[in-house]
Amino acid sequence: MAGTVRIVQGGLKAGSDATLEAYNEVSGHIKGVDASKEAARAGWQGQGSDAMYAAAMLWIEKATALNNSLLGFSDALKGSEANSGQAEVTHSAAFLNLEKRMTGGAV
């Protein structure tokens, strides 16, 4: 069905948790690259060292921006999960009222 999204209960939370796990893993890699660039610079001077340091800084900048996007996506999934739950409660109540009206039950 085009335009239809089906979400298994808990699927948004699972997606949020997996995205947060990826964020934490990337954060660890960023810290590792940062420590490595500093260690290399401490024992290596010259144009090659400067170029490596600049490349590492650029990588850290880009990786941090991407990682912040992962964190934002995780937060958005959490928000969708909360909103989805409220929507389910609202829809359930609406259909229960409709069912009562159709069967002659009290509203």
C-alpha atoms as a PDB file:
ATOM      1  CA  MET A   1       0.000   0.000   0.000  1.00  0.00           C
ATOM      2  CA  ALA A   2       1.561   3.247  -1.106  1.00  0.00           C
ATOM      3  CA  GLY A   3       1.659   5.928   1.545  1.00  0.00           C
ATOM      4  CA  THR A   4       0.901   3.492   4.369  1.00  0.00           C
ATOM      5  CA  VAL A   5       3.198   3.085   7.329  1.00  0.00           C
ATOM      6  CA  ARG A   6       2.841   0.159   9.679  1.00  0.00           C
ATOM      7  CA  ILE A   7       4.633   0.231  12.992  1.00  0.00           C
ATOM      8  CA  VAL A   8       4.936  -2.794  15.222  1.00  0.00           C
ATOM      9  CA  GLN A   9       4.281  -1.910  18.853  1.00  0.00           C
ATOM     10  CA  GLY A  10       7.562  -0.845  20.385  1.00  0.00           C
ATOM     11  CA  GLY A  11       9.126  -0.444  16.950  1.00  0.00           C
ATOM     12  CA  LEU A  12       9.727   3.278  17.321  1.00  0.00           C
ATOM     13  CA  LYS A  13      11.357   2.776  20.716  1.00  0.00           C
ATOM     14  CA  ALA A  14      13.518  -0.016  19.303  1.00  0.00           C
ATOM     15  CA  GLY A  15      14.548   2.285  16.460  1.00  0.00           C
ATOM     16  CA  SER A  16      15.286   5.082  18.907  1.00  0.00           C
ATOM     17  CA  ASP A  17      17.344   2.760  21.108  1.00  0.00           C
ATOM     18  CA  ALA A  18      19.332   1.427  18.125  1.00  0.00           C
ATOM     19  CA  THR A  19      19.971   4.953  16.873  1.00  0.00           C
ATOM     20  CA  LEU A  20      21.106   6.055  20.336  1.00  0.00           C
ATOM     21  CA  GLU A  21      23.430   3.040  20.478  1.00  0.00           C
ATOM     22  CA  ALA A  22      24.922   4.071  17.118  1.00  0.00           C
ATOM     23  CA  TYR A  23      25.321   7.630  18.439  1.00  0.00           C
ATOM     24  CA  ASN A  24      27.224   6.353  21.480  1.00  0.00           C
ATOM     25  CA  GLU A  25      29.438   4.143  19.322  1.00  0.00           C
ATOM     26  CA  VAL A  26      30.276   7.002  16.945  1.00  0.00           C
ATOM     27  CA  SER A  27      30.985   9.249  19.967  1.00  0.00           C
ATOM     28  CA  GLY A  28      33.570   6.713  21.090  1.00  0.00           C
ATOM     29  CA  HIS A  29      35.213   6.740  17.664  1.00  0.00           C
ATOM     30  CA  ILE A  30      35.289  10.542  17.634  1.00  0.00           C
ATOM     31  CA  LYS A  31      37.028  10.558  21.028  1.00  0.00           C
ATOM     32  CA  GLY A  32      39.480   7.937  19.759  1.00  0.00           C
ATOM     33  CA  VAL A  33      40.386   9.952  16.655  1.00  0.00           C
ATOM     34  CA  ASP A  34      40.757  13.084  18.787  1.00  0.00           C
ATOM     35  CA  ALA A  35      43.122  11.313  21.198  1.00  0.00           C
ATOM     36  CA  SER A  36      45.106   9.779  18.323  1.00  0.00           C
ATOM     37  CA  LYS A  37      45.577  13.101  16.549  1.00  0.00           C
ATOM     38  CA  GLU A  38      46.858  14.682  19.757  1.00  0.00           C
ATOM     39  CA  ALA A  39      49.226  11.778  20.441  1.00  0.00           C
ATOM     40  CA  ALA A  40      50.567  11.907  16.879  1.00  0.00           C
ATOM     41  CA  ARG A  41      51.077  15.657  17.040  1.00  0.00           C
ATOM     42  CA  ALA A  42      52.980  15.369  20.317  1.00  0.00           C
ATOM     43  CA  GLY A  43      55.645  13.200  18.674  1.00  0.00           C
ATOM     44  CA  TRP A  44      55.543  14.374  15.057  1.00  0.00           C
ATOM     45  CA  GLN A  45      56.240  17.869  13.763  1.00  0.00           C
ATOM     46  CA  GLY A  46      56.192  19.264  10.254  1.00  0.00           C
ATOM     47  CA  GLN A  47      53.943  19.656   7.227  1.00  0.00           C
ATOM     48  CA  GLY A  48      52.783  16.045   7.300  1.00  0.00           C
ATOM     49  CA  SER A  49      51.802  16.383  10.936  1.00  0.00           C
ATOM     50  CA  ASP A  50      49.948  19.621  10.227  1.00  0.00           C
ATOM     51  CA  ALA A  51      48.087  18.050   7.281  1.00  0.00           C
ATOM     52  CA  MET A  52      47.138  14.972   9.329  1.00  0.00           C
ATOM     53  CA  TYR A  53      45.964  17.183  12.187  1.00  0.00           C
ATOM     54  CA  ALA A  54      43.836  19.319   9.844  1.00  0.00           C
ATOM     55  CA  ALA A  55      42.322  16.208   8.232  1.00  0.00           C
ATOM     56  CA  ALA A  56      41.529  14.735  11.649  1.00  0.00           C
ATOM     57  CA  MET A  57      39.927  18.006  12.770  1.00  0.00           C
ATOM     58  CA  LEU A  58      37.766  18.078   9.629  1.00  0.00           C
ATOM     59  CA  TRP A  59      36.772  14.438  10.154  1.00  0.00           C
ATOM     60  CA  ILE A  60      35.869  15.154  13.789  1.00  0.00           C
ATOM     61  CA  GLU A  61      33.790  18.174  12.734  1.00  0.00           C
ATOM     62  CA  LYS A  62      31.870  16.211  10.082  1.00  0.00           C
ATOM     63  CA  ALA A  63      31.458  13.120  12.270  1.00  0.00           C
ATOM     64  CA  THR A  64      30.178  15.265  15.150  1.00  0.00           C
ATOM     65  CA  ALA A  65      27.601  16.924  12.887  1.00  0.00           C
ATOM     66  CA  LEU A  66      26.431  13.528  11.621  1.00  0.00           C
ATOM     67  CA  ASN A  67      26.357  12.163  15.142  1.00  0.00           C
ATOM     68  CA  ASN A  68      24.245  15.089  16.338  1.00  0.00           C
ATOM     69  CA  SER A  69      21.814  14.197  13.544  1.00  0.00           C
ATOM     70  CA  LEU A  70      21.631  10.644  14.900  1.00  0.00           C
ATOM     71  CA  LEU A  71      20.826  12.005  18.348  1.00  0.00           C
ATOM     72  CA  GLY A  72      18.120  14.257  16.900  1.00  0.00           C
ATOM     73  CA  PHE A  73      16.661  11.326  14.976  1.00  0.00           C
ATOM     74  CA  SER A  74      16.625   9.198  18.126  1.00  0.00           C
ATOM     75  CA  ASP A  75      14.803  11.978  19.994  1.00  0.00           C
ATOM     76  CA  ALA A  76      12.298  12.332  17.137  1.00  0.00           C
ATOM     77  CA  LEU A  77      11.580   8.597  17.240  1.00  0.00           C
ATOM     78  CA  LYS A  78      11.018   8.794  21.001  1.00  0.00           C
ATOM     79  CA  GLY A  79       8.599  11.677  20.460  1.00  0.00           C
ATOM     80  CA  SER A  80       6.773   9.764  17.748  1.00  0.00           C
ATOM     81  CA  GLU A  81       6.456   6.754  20.049  1.00  0.00           C
ATOM     82  CA  ALA A  82       4.869   8.943  22.752  1.00  0.00           C
ATOM     83  CA  ASN A  83       2.543  10.636  20.264  1.00  0.00           C
ATOM     84  CA  SER A  84       1.683   7.288  18.693  1.00  0.00           C
ATOM     85  CA  GLY A  85       0.611   5.909  22.046  1.00  0.00           C
ATOM     86  CA  GLN A  86      -1.669   8.876  22.678  1.00  0.00           C
ATOM     87  CA  ALA A  87      -3.111   8.566  19.179  1.00  0.00           C
ATOM     88  CA  GLU A  88      -3.888   4.902  19.856  1.00  0.00           C
ATOM     89  CA  VAL A  89      -5.748   5.820  23.063  1.00  0.00           C
ATOM     90  CA  THR A  90      -7.732   8.501  21.233  1.00  0.00           C
ATOM     91  CA  HIS A  91      -8.560   6.206  18.316  1.00  0.00           C
ATOM     92  CA  SER A  92      -9.534   3.367  20.623  1.00  0.00           C
ATOM     93  CA  ALA A  93     -11.936   5.606  22.561  1.00  0.00           C
ATOM     94  CA  ALA A  94     -13.454   6.950  19.341  1.00  0.00           C
ATOM     95  CA  PHE A  95     -14.049   3.458  17.947  1.00  0.00           C
ATOM     96  CA  LEU A  96     -15.448   2.248  21.267  1.00  0.00           C
ATOM     97  CA  ASN A  97     -17.962   5.130  21.218  1.00  0.00           C
ATOM     98  CA  LEU A  98     -18.863   4.298  17.621  1.00  0.00           C
ATOM     99  CA  GLU A  99     -19.332   0.635  18.511  1.00  0.00           C
ATOM    100  CA  LYS A 100     -21.600   1.547  21.436  1.00  0.00           C
ATOM    101  CA  ARG A 101     -23.718   3.765  19.205  1.00  0.00           C
ATOM    102  CA  MET A 102     -23.998   1.065  16.564  1.00  0.00           C
ATOM    103  CA  THR A 103     -25.014  -1.574  19.085  1.00  0.00           C
ATOM    104  CA  GLY A 104     -27.342   0.662  21.082  1.00  0.00           C
ATOM    105  CA  GLY A 105     -25.086   0.756  24.129  1.00  0.00           C
ATOM    106  CA  ALA A 106     -24.741   3.771  26.364  1.00  0.00           C
ATOM    107  CA  VAL A 107     -22.201   6.364  25.264  1.00  0.00           C
END
